[in-house]
Amino acid sequence: MTFTYKIVSGPADGLEHYGLQLARLADLPKDVLIGAEKVAQHLSDESAQNDENSESAKVARRRKTVLKLRTTLTQALEHSRLPDRDFLGYLSALQEKFTKELASNLS
């Protein structure tokens, strides 16, 4: 069997499991391919879970929440026509909402 592909360093573009594609091309037994697909799926799921729970993902979610709060407060300040008492109620509800959202991003 001769493969006519060029080997370069780095990830394979467009193929999540390049090794599985190569195994299919090499005509490995079906039971081997099925087992490999299960392992690959498990590893992909585990990797996605780790990415979601990573510290950088948590920081990104907190930053997004803070930026959303900043935008909401700026818009409220510049465009609100609520009476002072109602505006304070709005700000209080906003504070509760964003406090909960930030707390959920910390866990």
Protein backbone atom coordinates (compact mmCIF):
# COMPACT_ATOMS: atom_id res chain seq x y z
CA MET A 1 0.00 0.00 0.00
CA THR A 2 1.37 3.43 -0.91
CA PHE A 3 0.16 6.66 0.69
CA THR A 4 0.66 9.75 -1.43
CA TYR A 5 0.16 12.39 1.23
CA LYS A 6 2.76 14.85 2.44
CA ILE A 7 3.56 14.65 6.14
CA VAL A 8 3.88 18.01 7.93
CA SER A 9 3.99 18.94 11.59
CA GLY A 10 0.87 20.20 13.33
CA PRO A 11 -2.75 19.11 13.54
CA ALA A 12 -4.61 17.72 10.55
CA ASP A 13 -6.96 20.37 9.21
CA GLY A 14 -10.60 19.37 9.08
CA LEU A 15 -10.13 15.96 10.66
CA GLU A 16 -10.81 15.54 14.34
CA HIS A 17 -9.50 11.97 14.47
CA TYR A 18 -6.90 11.68 11.76
CA GLY A 19 -5.70 8.34 13.13
CA LEU A 20 -9.14 6.82 12.67
CA GLN A 21 -9.26 8.00 9.09
CA LEU A 22 -5.84 6.51 8.48
CA ALA A 23 -6.92 3.21 10.11
CA ARG A 24 -9.91 3.04 7.78
CA LEU A 25 -7.66 3.65 4.78
CA ALA A 26 -5.34 0.90 6.00
CA ASP A 27 -8.37 -1.43 6.09
CA LEU A 28 -7.97 -2.48 9.71
CA PRO A 29 -10.51 -5.01 11.03
CA LYS A 30 -13.96 -3.59 11.77
CA ASP A 31 -13.88 -4.55 15.48
CA VAL A 32 -10.60 -2.66 15.89
CA LEU A 33 -12.12 0.42 14.23
CA ILE A 34 -15.23 0.25 16.44
CA GLY A 35 -13.10 0.02 19.58
CA ALA A 36 -10.92 2.90 18.40
CA GLU A 37 -13.96 5.05 17.67
CA LYS A 38 -15.27 4.47 21.20
CA VAL A 39 -11.92 5.42 22.72
CA ALA A 40 -11.65 8.49 20.48
CA GLN A 41 -15.15 9.64 21.45
CA HIS A 42 -14.39 9.15 25.13
CA LEU A 43 -11.18 11.16 24.82
CA SER A 44 -12.97 13.92 22.90
CA ASP A 45 -15.70 14.15 25.53
CA GLU A 46 -13.14 14.23 28.32
CA SER A 47 -11.12 16.91 26.54
CA ALA A 48 -14.20 19.08 25.96
CA GLN A 49 -15.14 18.78 29.63
CA ASN A 50 -11.62 19.73 30.69
CA ASP A 51 -11.62 22.71 28.32
CA GLU A 52 -14.93 23.94 29.73
CA ASN A 53 -13.68 23.60 33.31
CA SER A 54 -10.24 25.09 32.65
CA GLU A 55 -9.15 28.15 34.55
CA SER A 56 -8.88 30.20 31.35
CA ALA A 57 -12.49 29.32 30.42
CA LYS A 58 -13.64 30.40 33.89
CA VAL A 59 -11.74 33.68 33.58
CA ALA A 60 -13.27 34.27 30.14
CA ARG A 61 -16.79 33.68 31.50
CA ARG A 62 -16.17 36.09 34.40
CA ARG A 63 -14.79 38.75 32.04
CA LYS A 64 -17.78 38.36 29.75
CA THR A 65 -20.14 38.78 32.71
CA VAL A 66 -18.32 41.90 33.92
CA LEU A 67 -18.35 43.42 30.43
CA LYS A 68 -22.06 42.69 30.12
CA LEU A 69 -22.63 44.39 33.48
CA ARG A 70 -20.61 47.41 32.39
CA THR A 71 -22.61 47.72 29.17
CA THR A 72 -25.92 47.34 31.00
CA LEU A 73 -24.99 49.97 33.60
CA THR A 74 -23.75 52.39 30.95
CA GLN A 75 -26.95 52.02 28.96
CA ALA A 76 -29.07 52.43 32.09
CA LEU A 77 -27.20 55.58 33.08
CA GLU A 78 -27.35 57.14 29.64
CA HIS A 79 -30.87 56.15 28.58
CA SER A 80 -33.03 55.51 31.62
CA ARG A 81 -36.04 57.74 32.16
CA LEU A 82 -37.17 55.90 35.28
CA PRO A 83 -37.94 57.91 38.41
CA ASP A 84 -35.15 57.67 41.01
CA ARG A 85 -37.02 55.20 43.22
CA ASP A 86 -37.74 52.85 40.28
CA PHE A 87 -34.19 53.23 39.00
CA LEU A 88 -32.82 52.16 42.39
CA GLY A 89 -35.09 49.11 42.28
CA TYR A 90 -33.81 48.28 38.81
CA LEU A 91 -30.20 48.61 39.98
CA SER A 92 -30.91 46.41 42.98
CA ALA A 93 -32.39 43.67 40.76
CA LEU A 94 -29.46 44.04 38.38
CA GLN A 95 -27.03 43.66 41.27
CA GLU A 96 -28.72 40.45 42.39
CA LYS A 97 -28.74 39.03 38.86
CA PHE A 98 -25.07 39.71 38.21
CA THR A 99 -24.01 38.57 41.69
CA LYS A 100 -25.64 35.20 41.01
CA GLU A 101 -24.11 35.01 37.56
CA LEU A 102 -20.62 35.77 38.84
CA ALA A 103 -21.02 33.28 41.70
CA SER A 104 -21.97 30.56 39.22
CA ASN A 105 -18.88 31.41 37.14
CA LEU A 106 -16.62 31.02 40.15
CA SER A 107 -17.58 27.41 40.77
